[in-house]
Amino acid sequence: PSMSSVPTLLQHSIDSTWDVGEYVHQLREIHSWSQLFWKIWGRLQHFQCKICKVTFTGLELHQCRYHPEPAVRLPESDSVLHPCCDVVEGGSGCQVRSHQPFCESSVDEVALDCILRHQDDFGHDDHLLFVPAASS
């Protein structure tokens, strides 16, 4: 599909008043410095999953979406149905498991080891994904 046919879900815009230091201090009110460090560090680590082939961050290690049952081609159609959740066509999956990271180097292996050792610091909420819109 052309880009003009893809619906716009989010619109990014420059906020000249946004300050990274202030943002980090706001996050510090929610997290310890250790948690904050590991959340930021984990967000910056990228891997590719051996199973789903998706690129994901260290914070998303346990968010590999999949369908547990194979898709079934619908009769007289090019469409497929996922019988596990009755979704027609793609969908990112109705179940979640851990990604299986492909480590290209020893650096990736060390990063993955750090993620596994510090995953409790990541927490389940991710305030690093959401930046509130500036008030107009």
C-alpha atoms as a PDB file:
ATOM      1  CA  PRO A   1       0.000   0.000   0.000  1.00  0.00           C
ATOM      2  CA  SER A   2       1.093   3.546  -0.619  1.00  0.00           C
ATOM      3  CA  MET A   3       1.928   5.720   2.383  1.00  0.00           C
ATOM      4  CA  SER A   4      -1.121   7.907   1.638  1.00  0.00           C
ATOM      5  CA  SER A   5      -3.397   4.897   2.218  1.00  0.00           C
ATOM      6  CA  VAL A   6      -1.887   4.080   5.638  1.00  0.00           C
ATOM      7  CA  PRO A   7      -3.919   5.652   8.458  1.00  0.00           C
ATOM      8  CA  THR A   8      -2.088   8.049  10.761  1.00  0.00           C
ATOM      9  CA  LEU A   9      -2.272   6.812  14.347  1.00  0.00           C
ATOM     10  CA  LEU A  10       0.240   9.122  15.986  1.00  0.00           C
ATOM     11  CA  GLN A  11       1.687  12.396  14.872  1.00  0.00           C
ATOM     12  CA  HIS A  12       5.188  13.338  15.993  1.00  0.00           C
ATOM     13  CA  SER A  13       6.045  16.987  16.305  1.00  0.00           C
ATOM     14  CA  ILE A  14       8.922  19.008  17.707  1.00  0.00           C
ATOM     15  CA  ASP A  15       8.403  20.419  21.196  1.00  0.00           C
ATOM     16  CA  SER A  16      11.062  23.088  21.646  1.00  0.00           C
ATOM     17  CA  THR A  17      10.211  23.324  25.369  1.00  0.00           C
ATOM     18  CA  TRP A  18      10.955  19.636  26.075  1.00  0.00           C
ATOM     19  CA  ASP A  19      14.038  19.143  28.240  1.00  0.00           C
ATOM     20  CA  VAL A  20      15.647  15.719  28.605  1.00  0.00           C
ATOM     21  CA  GLY A  21      17.039  16.587  32.041  1.00  0.00           C
ATOM     22  CA  GLU A  22      13.613  17.576  33.342  1.00  0.00           C
ATOM     23  CA  TYR A  23      12.135  14.419  31.827  1.00  0.00           C
ATOM     24  CA  VAL A  24      14.712  12.216  33.575  1.00  0.00           C
ATOM     25  CA  HIS A  25      14.027  13.958  36.892  1.00  0.00           C
ATOM     26  CA  GLN A  26      10.287  13.374  36.427  1.00  0.00           C
ATOM     27  CA  LEU A  27      11.001   9.695  35.801  1.00  0.00           C
ATOM     28  CA  ARG A  28      13.200   9.683  38.916  1.00  0.00           C
ATOM     29  CA  GLU A  29      10.071  10.433  40.983  1.00  0.00           C
ATOM     30  CA  ILE A  30       8.701   7.060  39.816  1.00  0.00           C
ATOM     31  CA  HIS A  31      11.877   4.929  39.706  1.00  0.00           C
ATOM     32  CA  SER A  32      15.127   4.534  41.633  1.00  0.00           C
ATOM     33  CA  TRP A  33      18.289   5.658  39.826  1.00  0.00           C
ATOM     34  CA  SER A  34      19.195   1.993  39.296  1.00  0.00           C
ATOM     35  CA  GLN A  35      15.797   1.188  37.771  1.00  0.00           C
ATOM     36  CA  LEU A  36      15.965   4.313  35.624  1.00  0.00           C
ATOM     37  CA  PHE A  37      19.441   3.445  34.334  1.00  0.00           C
ATOM     38  CA  TRP A  38      18.477  -0.125  33.434  1.00  0.00           C
ATOM     39  CA  LYS A  39      15.195   0.957  31.803  1.00  0.00           C
ATOM     40  CA  ILE A  40      16.997   3.455  29.573  1.00  0.00           C
ATOM     41  CA  TRP A  41      19.845   1.034  28.862  1.00  0.00           C
ATOM     42  CA  GLY A  42      17.396  -1.792  28.105  1.00  0.00           C
ATOM     43  CA  ARG A  43      15.441   0.442  25.722  1.00  0.00           C
ATOM     44  CA  LEU A  44      18.648   1.087  23.753  1.00  0.00           C
ATOM     45  CA  GLN A  45      19.547  -2.608  23.247  1.00  0.00           C
ATOM     46  CA  HIS A  46      18.126  -4.124  20.053  1.00  0.00           C
ATOM     47  CA  PHE A  47      17.912  -7.749  18.978  1.00  0.00           C
ATOM     48  CA  GLN A  48      16.182  -9.751  16.278  1.00  0.00           C
ATOM     49  CA  CYS A  49      13.984 -12.666  17.327  1.00  0.00           C
ATOM     50  CA  LYS A  50      14.956 -16.040  15.803  1.00  0.00           C
ATOM     51  CA  ILE A  51      11.302 -17.096  15.839  1.00  0.00           C
ATOM     52  CA  CYS A  52       9.204 -14.115  14.700  1.00  0.00           C
ATOM     53  CA  LYS A  53      12.039 -12.181  12.956  1.00  0.00           C
ATOM     54  CA  VAL A  54      10.905  -8.923  14.644  1.00  0.00           C
ATOM     55  CA  THR A  55      13.466  -6.433  15.939  1.00  0.00           C
ATOM     56  CA  PHE A  56      12.798  -5.702  19.620  1.00  0.00           C
ATOM     57  CA  THR A  57      14.409  -3.853  22.518  1.00  0.00           C
ATOM     58  CA  GLY A  58      15.699  -5.357  25.731  1.00  0.00           C
ATOM     59  CA  LEU A  59      12.589  -4.133  27.542  1.00  0.00           C
ATOM     60  CA  GLU A  60      10.441  -6.161  25.134  1.00  0.00           C
ATOM     61  CA  LEU A  61      12.250  -9.481  25.683  1.00  0.00           C
ATOM     62  CA  HIS A  62       9.135 -11.222  27.001  1.00  0.00           C
ATOM     63  CA  GLN A  63       6.704  -9.773  24.434  1.00  0.00           C
ATOM     64  CA  CYS A  64       6.939 -12.100  21.432  1.00  0.00           C
ATOM     65  CA  ARG A  65       3.372 -12.322  20.112  1.00  0.00           C
ATOM     66  CA  TYR A  66       2.285 -15.452  18.265  1.00  0.00           C
ATOM     67  CA  HIS A  67      -0.670 -17.648  17.348  1.00  0.00           C
ATOM     68  CA  PRO A  68      -0.407 -21.123  18.974  1.00  0.00           C
ATOM     69  CA  GLU A  69      -2.349 -22.790  16.155  1.00  0.00           C
ATOM     70  CA  PRO A  70      -1.436 -22.692  12.469  1.00  0.00           C
ATOM     71  CA  ALA A  71      -3.475 -20.468  10.190  1.00  0.00           C
ATOM     72  CA  VAL A  72      -6.079 -22.111   7.960  1.00  0.00           C
ATOM     73  CA  ARG A  73      -6.770 -20.906   4.409  1.00  0.00           C
ATOM     74  CA  LEU A  74     -10.428 -20.006   3.985  1.00  0.00           C
ATOM     75  CA  PRO A  75     -12.184 -21.813   1.123  1.00  0.00           C
ATOM     76  CA  GLU A  76     -12.532 -19.834  -2.108  1.00  0.00           C
ATOM     77  CA  SER A  77     -10.447 -16.995  -0.702  1.00  0.00           C
ATOM     78  CA  ASP A  78      -6.862 -15.825  -0.341  1.00  0.00           C
ATOM     79  CA  SER A  79      -7.560 -15.023   3.319  1.00  0.00           C
ATOM     80  CA  VAL A  80      -6.379 -17.064   6.271  1.00  0.00           C
ATOM     81  CA  LEU A  81      -8.038 -17.593   9.642  1.00  0.00           C
ATOM     82  CA  HIS A  82      -6.262 -18.098  12.949  1.00  0.00           C
ATOM     83  CA  PRO A  83      -8.559 -20.638  14.658  1.00  0.00           C
ATOM     84  CA  CYS A  84      -7.019 -19.972  18.074  1.00  0.00           C
ATOM     85  CA  CYS A  85      -8.576 -16.498  18.212  1.00  0.00           C
ATOM     86  CA  ASP A  86     -10.828 -16.306  15.095  1.00  0.00           C
ATOM     87  CA  VAL A  87      -8.776 -13.460  13.603  1.00  0.00           C
ATOM     88  CA  VAL A  88      -8.732 -13.287   9.819  1.00  0.00           C
ATOM     89  CA  GLU A  89      -5.362 -12.443   8.243  1.00  0.00           C
ATOM     90  CA  GLY A  90      -2.301 -11.177  10.106  1.00  0.00           C
ATOM     91  CA  GLY A  91      -2.621  -9.878  13.566  1.00  0.00           C
ATOM     92  CA  SER A  92       0.480  -9.924  15.670  1.00  0.00           C
ATOM     93  CA  GLY A  93      -0.657 -12.916  17.707  1.00  0.00           C
ATOM     94  CA  CYS A  94      -3.081 -13.747  20.481  1.00  0.00           C
ATOM     95  CA  GLN A  95      -0.488 -15.229  22.874  1.00  0.00           C
ATOM     96  CA  VAL A  96       2.794 -13.924  24.310  1.00  0.00           C
ATOM     97  CA  ARG A  97       6.061 -15.723  24.993  1.00  0.00           C
ATOM     98  CA  SER A  98       9.697 -14.687  25.324  1.00  0.00           C
ATOM     99  CA  HIS A  99      11.585 -13.667  22.196  1.00  0.00           C
ATOM    100  CA  GLN A 100      14.537 -15.864  21.233  1.00  0.00           C
ATOM    101  CA  PRO A 101      17.243 -13.253  20.532  1.00  0.00           C
ATOM    102  CA  PHE A 102      19.718 -13.804  17.733  1.00  0.00           C
ATOM    103  CA  CYS A 103      23.080 -12.702  19.159  1.00  0.00           C
ATOM    104  CA  GLU A 104      25.403 -11.711  16.341  1.00  0.00           C
ATOM    105  CA  SER A 105      28.417 -11.165  18.582  1.00  0.00           C
ATOM    106  CA  SER A 106      29.791 -11.585  22.084  1.00  0.00           C
ATOM    107  CA  VAL A 107      28.710  -7.980  22.731  1.00  0.00           C
ATOM    108  CA  ASP A 108      25.087  -9.015  22.083  1.00  0.00           C
ATOM    109  CA  GLU A 109      25.527 -12.002  24.394  1.00  0.00           C
ATOM    110  CA  VAL A 110      26.833  -9.756  27.198  1.00  0.00           C
ATOM    111  CA  ALA A 111      23.952  -7.314  26.633  1.00  0.00           C
ATOM    112  CA  LEU A 112      21.412 -10.144  26.784  1.00  0.00           C
ATOM    113  CA  ASP A 113      23.011 -11.458  29.984  1.00  0.00           C
ATOM    114  CA  CYS A 114      22.742  -7.971  31.558  1.00  0.00           C
ATOM    115  CA  ILE A 115      19.090  -7.738  30.515  1.00  0.00           C
ATOM    116  CA  LEU A 116      18.320 -11.113  32.080  1.00  0.00           C
ATOM    117  CA  ARG A 117      20.133 -10.183  35.317  1.00  0.00           C
ATOM    118  CA  HIS A 118      18.419  -6.780  35.609  1.00  0.00           C
ATOM    119  CA  GLN A 119      14.958  -7.514  34.218  1.00  0.00           C
ATOM    120  CA  ASP A 120      13.409  -6.941  37.662  1.00  0.00           C
ATOM    121  CA  ASP A 121      14.620  -3.330  37.429  1.00  0.00           C
ATOM    122  CA  PHE A 122      12.739  -2.893  34.153  1.00  0.00           C
ATOM    123  CA  GLY A 123       9.374  -3.367  35.844  1.00  0.00           C
ATOM    124  CA  HIS A 124       6.127  -4.013  34.010  1.00  0.00           C
ATOM    125  CA  ASP A 125       5.131  -0.413  33.362  1.00  0.00           C
ATOM    126  CA  ASP A 126       7.139   1.547  30.854  1.00  0.00           C
ATOM    127  CA  HIS A 127       6.961   5.250  31.492  1.00  0.00           C
ATOM    128  CA  LEU A 128       9.767   5.688  28.978  1.00  0.00           C
ATOM    129  CA  LEU A 129       7.360   5.055  26.113  1.00  0.00           C
ATOM    130  CA  PHE A 130       4.906   7.809  26.928  1.00  0.00           C
ATOM    131  CA  VAL A 131       5.710  11.497  26.818  1.00  0.00           C
ATOM    132  CA  PRO A 132       2.619  13.602  27.522  1.00  0.00           C
ATOM    133  CA  ALA A 133       1.675  16.107  24.852  1.00  0.00           C
ATOM    134  CA  ALA A 134       2.620  19.684  25.607  1.00  0.00           C
ATOM    135  CA  SER A 135      -0.353  21.802  26.616  1.00  0.00           C
ATOM    136  CA  SER A 136      -1.239  24.445  24.049  1.00  0.00           C
END
